[in-house]
Protein backbone atom coordinates (compact mmCIF):
# COMPACT_ATOMS: atom_id res chain seq x y z
CA UNK A 1 134.42 83.59 104.14
CA UNK A 2 131.66 86.17 103.83
CA UNK A 3 131.46 89.09 106.24
CA UNK A 4 128.14 90.39 105.00
CA UNK A 5 124.62 89.16 105.66
CA UNK A 6 123.16 90.79 102.60
CA UNK A 7 123.11 93.78 100.29
CA UNK A 8 120.68 96.59 99.58
CA UNK A 9 120.62 97.21 95.82
CA UNK A 10 119.75 100.69 94.63
CA UNK A 11 119.93 102.50 91.30
CA UNK A 12 121.08 105.94 90.22
CA UNK A 13 117.85 106.26 88.24
CA UNK A 14 114.92 104.20 87.00
CA UNK A 15 115.69 101.86 84.13
CA UNK A 16 119.33 101.18 85.08
CA UNK A 17 118.67 97.44 85.36
CA UNK A 18 118.91 96.86 89.10
CA UNK A 19 116.30 94.09 88.91
CA UNK A 20 118.43 92.17 86.43
CA UNK A 21 121.53 92.74 88.54
CA UNK A 22 119.74 91.59 91.70
CA UNK A 23 118.47 88.46 89.93
CA UNK A 24 121.95 87.74 88.59
CA UNK A 25 123.48 88.11 92.04
CA UNK A 26 120.90 85.72 93.46
CA UNK A 27 121.52 83.14 90.75
CA UNK A 28 125.27 83.20 91.34
CA UNK A 29 125.15 83.31 95.14
CA UNK A 30 122.91 80.24 95.23
CA UNK A 31 125.80 78.29 93.69
CA UNK A 32 128.61 79.58 95.90
CA UNK A 33 130.42 77.78 98.71
CA UNK A 34 128.93 77.88 102.23
CA UNK A 35 129.11 81.22 104.00
CA UNK A 36 130.47 81.56 107.52
CA UNK A 37 128.38 81.97 110.69
CA UNK A 38 125.75 79.54 109.50
CA UNK A 39 124.84 81.37 106.30
CA UNK A 40 124.68 78.92 103.45
CA UNK A 41 124.91 80.01 99.82
CA UNK A 42 121.82 77.96 99.03
CA UNK A 43 119.82 80.10 101.47
CA UNK A 44 119.77 83.28 99.40
CA UNK A 45 116.55 85.23 99.64
CA UNK A 46 115.43 88.24 97.62
CA UNK A 47 113.10 90.92 98.95
CA UNK A 48 111.43 93.76 97.05
CA UNK A 49 109.72 95.90 99.72
CA UNK A 50 107.71 98.03 97.24
CA UNK A 51 107.02 97.92 93.52
CA UNK A 52 104.79 100.29 91.57
CA UNK A 53 103.11 100.47 88.18
CA UNK A 54 102.06 96.83 88.33
CA UNK A 55 98.59 95.26 88.76
CA UNK A 56 99.77 92.23 90.73
CA UNK A 57 102.88 90.53 92.10
CA UNK A 58 102.54 87.71 89.56
CA UNK A 59 102.30 89.95 86.49
CA UNK A 60 105.05 89.00 83.98
CA UNK A 61 106.18 92.62 83.77
CA UNK A 62 106.60 92.92 87.53
CA UNK A 63 109.96 93.05 89.26
CA UNK A 64 108.84 90.25 91.58
CA UNK A 65 108.14 87.94 88.62
CA UNK A 66 111.43 88.80 86.94
CA UNK A 67 113.40 88.31 90.16
CA UNK A 68 111.93 84.85 90.62
CA UNK A 69 112.39 83.77 87.01
CA UNK A 70 115.76 85.33 86.20
CA UNK A 71 117.19 84.50 89.62
CA UNK A 72 116.04 80.88 89.48
CA UNK A 73 114.43 81.33 92.88
CA UNK A 74 112.19 78.91 94.74
CA UNK A 75 110.44 81.88 96.34
CA UNK A 76 107.04 82.79 94.99
CA UNK A 77 106.30 86.33 93.86
CA UNK A 78 104.14 87.12 96.89
CA UNK A 79 107.02 86.13 99.16
CA UNK A 80 109.48 88.27 97.20
CA UNK A 81 107.44 91.51 97.29
CA UNK A 82 105.56 93.12 100.17
CA UNK A 83 103.66 95.98 98.51
CA UNK A 84 102.49 96.13 94.90
CA UNK A 85 100.92 99.42 93.85
CA UNK A 86 99.19 99.89 90.48
CA UNK A 87 100.21 103.40 89.44
CA UNK A 88 103.69 103.97 87.89
CA UNK A 89 104.74 106.61 90.40
CA UNK A 90 107.02 107.04 93.37
CA UNK A 91 105.72 104.81 96.19
CA UNK A 92 104.44 107.74 98.27
CA UNK A 93 102.21 109.00 95.46
CA UNK A 94 101.27 105.54 94.20
CA UNK A 95 100.02 104.65 97.68
CA UNK A 96 98.23 107.97 98.14
CA UNK A 97 96.41 107.51 94.81
CA UNK A 98 94.65 104.46 96.26
CA UNK A 99 94.10 105.98 99.70
CA UNK A 100 96.90 104.15 101.49
CA UNK A 101 100.00 105.10 103.44
CA UNK A 102 103.16 103.01 103.42
CA UNK A 103 104.14 101.90 106.92
CA UNK A 104 107.93 102.23 106.91
CA UNK A 105 108.23 100.83 110.44
CA UNK A 106 106.39 97.70 109.32
CA UNK A 107 108.73 97.34 106.33
CA UNK A 108 111.75 97.69 108.63
CA UNK A 109 110.32 95.06 110.97
CA UNK A 110 109.76 92.69 108.06
CA UNK A 111 113.27 93.25 106.74
CA UNK A 112 114.81 92.57 110.14
CA UNK A 113 112.69 89.43 110.47
CA UNK A 114 113.95 88.20 107.09
CA UNK A 115 117.52 88.92 108.16
CA UNK A 116 117.06 87.03 111.44
CA UNK A 117 116.09 83.91 109.47
CA UNK A 118 119.79 83.40 108.71
CA UNK A 119 119.62 83.70 104.94
CA UNK A 120 121.79 85.97 102.84
CA UNK A 121 119.32 88.72 101.93
CA UNK A 122 119.30 90.75 98.72
CA UNK A 123 116.98 93.76 99.05
CA UNK A 124 116.04 95.64 95.89
CA UNK A 125 114.90 99.18 96.49
CA UNK A 126 112.44 101.22 94.46
CA UNK A 127 114.32 103.52 92.09
CA UNK A 128 117.08 105.46 93.84
CA UNK A 129 117.83 106.43 97.43
CA UNK A 130 115.99 109.77 97.22
CA UNK A 131 112.70 108.25 96.05
CA UNK A 132 109.92 109.12 98.55
CA UNK A 133 108.19 106.28 100.39
CA UNK A 134 106.01 108.62 102.45
CA UNK A 135 105.83 112.35 103.06
CA UNK A 136 108.57 111.89 105.67
CA UNK A 137 110.62 108.93 104.45
CA UNK A 138 112.88 108.20 101.50
CA UNK A 139 114.15 104.82 100.29
CA UNK A 140 117.40 105.88 102.01
CA UNK A 141 115.62 105.73 105.37
CA UNK A 142 114.67 102.12 104.71
CA UNK A 143 118.18 101.20 103.57
CA UNK A 144 119.76 102.90 106.60
CA UNK A 145 117.33 101.24 108.98
CA UNK A 146 118.10 97.75 107.69
CA UNK A 147 121.83 98.29 108.19
CA UNK A 148 122.89 96.48 105.03
CA UNK A 149 125.74 97.69 102.83
CA UNK A 150 124.67 99.32 99.60
CA UNK A 151 125.32 98.17 96.05
CA UNK A 152 124.74 100.96 93.52
CA UNK A 153 123.70 100.05 89.98
CA UNK A 154 124.47 102.83 87.50
CA UNK A 155 124.43 103.46 83.78
CA UNK A 156 127.74 103.04 81.94
CA UNK A 157 127.54 106.07 79.65
CA UNK A 158 127.49 109.85 79.62
CA UNK A 159 126.02 111.38 82.78
CA UNK A 160 126.69 108.42 85.02
CA UNK A 161 129.55 110.06 86.94
CA UNK A 162 127.28 112.85 88.18
CA UNK A 163 124.38 110.52 89.01
CA UNK A 164 126.61 108.02 90.78
CA UNK A 165 128.50 110.57 92.85
CA UNK A 166 125.20 112.13 93.93
CA UNK A 167 123.91 108.69 95.00
CA UNK A 168 127.10 108.07 97.00
CA UNK A 169 126.68 111.48 98.64
CA UNK A 170 123.13 110.64 99.72
CA UNK A 171 124.31 107.29 101.10
CA UNK A 172 127.00 109.04 103.15
CA UNK A 173 124.45 111.59 104.37
CA UNK A 174 122.31 108.76 105.75
CA UNK A 175 125.26 106.80 107.12
CA UNK A 176 124.84 103.89 104.68
CA UNK A 177 128.09 102.06 103.88
CA UNK A 178 128.58 101.47 100.15
CA UNK A 179 129.98 98.06 99.23
CA UNK A 180 130.50 98.83 95.56
CA UNK A 181 129.18 100.13 92.27
CA UNK A 182 128.20 98.23 89.12
CA UNK A 183 128.02 99.92 85.73
CA UNK A 184 125.30 98.02 83.92
CA UNK A 185 124.36 97.95 80.25
CA UNK A 186 127.46 98.72 78.21
CA UNK A 187 127.43 97.93 74.50
CA UNK A 188 129.94 95.54 72.95
CA UNK A 189 131.70 98.09 70.76
CA UNK A 190 135.29 99.24 70.52
CA UNK A 191 134.32 102.89 70.84
CA UNK A 192 132.15 102.43 73.95
CA UNK A 193 134.52 100.55 76.22
CA UNK A 194 137.25 103.20 76.72
CA UNK A 195 134.58 105.68 77.84
CA UNK A 196 133.02 103.13 80.19
CA UNK A 197 136.38 102.42 81.80
CA UNK A 198 137.12 106.13 82.08
CA UNK A 199 133.74 106.66 83.77
CA UNK A 200 134.59 103.88 86.23
CA UNK A 201 137.96 105.52 86.94
CA UNK A 202 136.38 108.92 87.60
CA UNK A 203 133.72 107.41 89.86
CA UNK A 204 136.32 105.56 91.92
CA UNK A 205 138.59 108.61 92.11
CA UNK A 206 135.95 110.99 93.40
CA UNK A 207 133.81 108.62 95.50
CA UNK A 208 136.45 106.36 96.99
CA UNK A 209 134.09 103.45 96.26
CA UNK A 210 135.22 100.53 94.07
CA UNK A 211 133.48 99.79 90.79
CA UNK A 212 133.09 96.05 91.29
CA UNK A 213 131.66 95.13 87.91
CA UNK A 214 130.94 96.16 84.33
CA UNK A 215 127.92 94.30 82.96
CA UNK A 216 126.80 94.17 79.31
CA UNK A 217 123.53 95.39 77.86
CA UNK A 218 120.94 92.65 77.43
CA UNK A 219 118.64 92.17 74.51
CA UNK A 220 114.91 92.07 75.20
CA UNK A 221 113.79 88.46 75.17
CA UNK A 222 110.77 87.19 73.27
CA UNK A 223 108.82 87.20 76.52
CA UNK A 224 108.93 90.99 76.34
CA UNK A 225 110.84 91.85 79.51
CA UNK A 226 112.95 94.98 79.03
CA UNK A 227 116.60 95.35 79.91
CA UNK A 228 116.01 97.98 82.57
CA UNK A 229 113.13 98.38 84.98
CA UNK A 230 109.87 96.73 84.05
CA UNK A 231 108.31 99.86 82.56
CA UNK A 232 111.29 101.06 80.50
CA UNK A 233 110.56 101.86 76.87
CA UNK A 234 112.50 99.43 74.71
CA UNK A 235 111.39 100.62 71.28
CA UNK A 236 114.80 102.08 70.45
CA UNK A 237 116.90 99.17 71.70
CA UNK A 238 119.42 98.05 69.07
CA UNK A 239 119.95 94.39 68.35
CA UNK A 240 122.32 92.68 70.75
CA UNK A 241 125.54 91.18 69.56
CA UNK A 242 125.77 87.45 69.06
CA UNK A 243 125.97 85.50 72.29
CA UNK A 244 124.58 88.19 74.58
CA UNK A 245 122.09 86.88 77.13
CA UNK A 246 118.43 87.75 76.76
CA UNK A 247 116.22 88.69 79.67
CA UNK A 248 113.57 86.10 80.34
CA UNK A 249 115.77 83.19 79.26
CA UNK A 250 117.14 80.56 81.62
CA UNK A 251 119.03 82.28 84.45
CA UNK A 252 122.15 80.25 83.71
CA UNK A 253 123.37 82.43 80.83
CA UNK A 254 122.97 85.69 82.73
CA UNK A 255 124.45 84.11 85.86
CA UNK A 256 127.54 83.13 83.85
CA UNK A 257 127.98 86.76 82.79
CA UNK A 258 127.48 88.09 86.31
CA UNK A 259 129.77 85.45 87.81
CA UNK A 260 132.69 86.37 85.57
CA UNK A 261 132.20 90.16 85.51
CA UNK A 262 132.00 90.98 89.23
CA UNK A 263 134.82 91.31 91.75
CA UNK A 264 133.21 89.08 94.37
CA UNK A 265 136.08 89.34 96.85
CA UNK A 266 135.63 93.10 97.08
CA UNK A 267 131.82 93.10 96.96
CA UNK A 268 131.36 90.46 99.64
CA UNK A 269 134.58 91.03 101.60
CA UNK A 270 135.65 87.42 101.05
């Protein structure tokens, strides 16, 4: 039984891999048992209200393209994303560069319309909660207005405790309930894992929010999609260990990882 109609996925920073996490969630949820109150696991929809630094919704480096491909979605890119802005900036500035203003009320109306369709809705924000959408609105305003619980995607390594606790604090300031936190991108090494688990313990202790999953770093696939956000520099990425999934491959391998690594009962209140 699922008590949630969707999730709003945010990051503690750019490049933390929230697009990959969102796609993985979609791929797994499409396979799950029917959800109560008429929500069926096959009716999972993904929505990216705003993406920047991309020429078009169909560009292979766009979040909308990656969400469709890696999530195994039937949705087309132009149905996944509402606004695509060409400059790699915060949405407020990216829109202003081309003489436009983002209509937050219109985005809220669209989000509520998508929710009323009865599907389980995964909404991927732009960057973190404090990213400006307009001169008066942050991504947090959009998340709060939609009323969905928040899933925070954070880095696994040094610095993540501070970034994650600050993100939780912003969520509490805006009255956004936090469903859980995922630490994404750990390396498969003996020395890394104790620190990752200690970071998870500190985050849970000081935030009171459960860390619902630890997800491994992904190698860049031959298609060229990076492991974090679409514009992340991947020049220094080390080779992945044998058997790790690659971005841009069939969604099944990444879905298998996400399926086994996440505490679904806690995340979805099953």
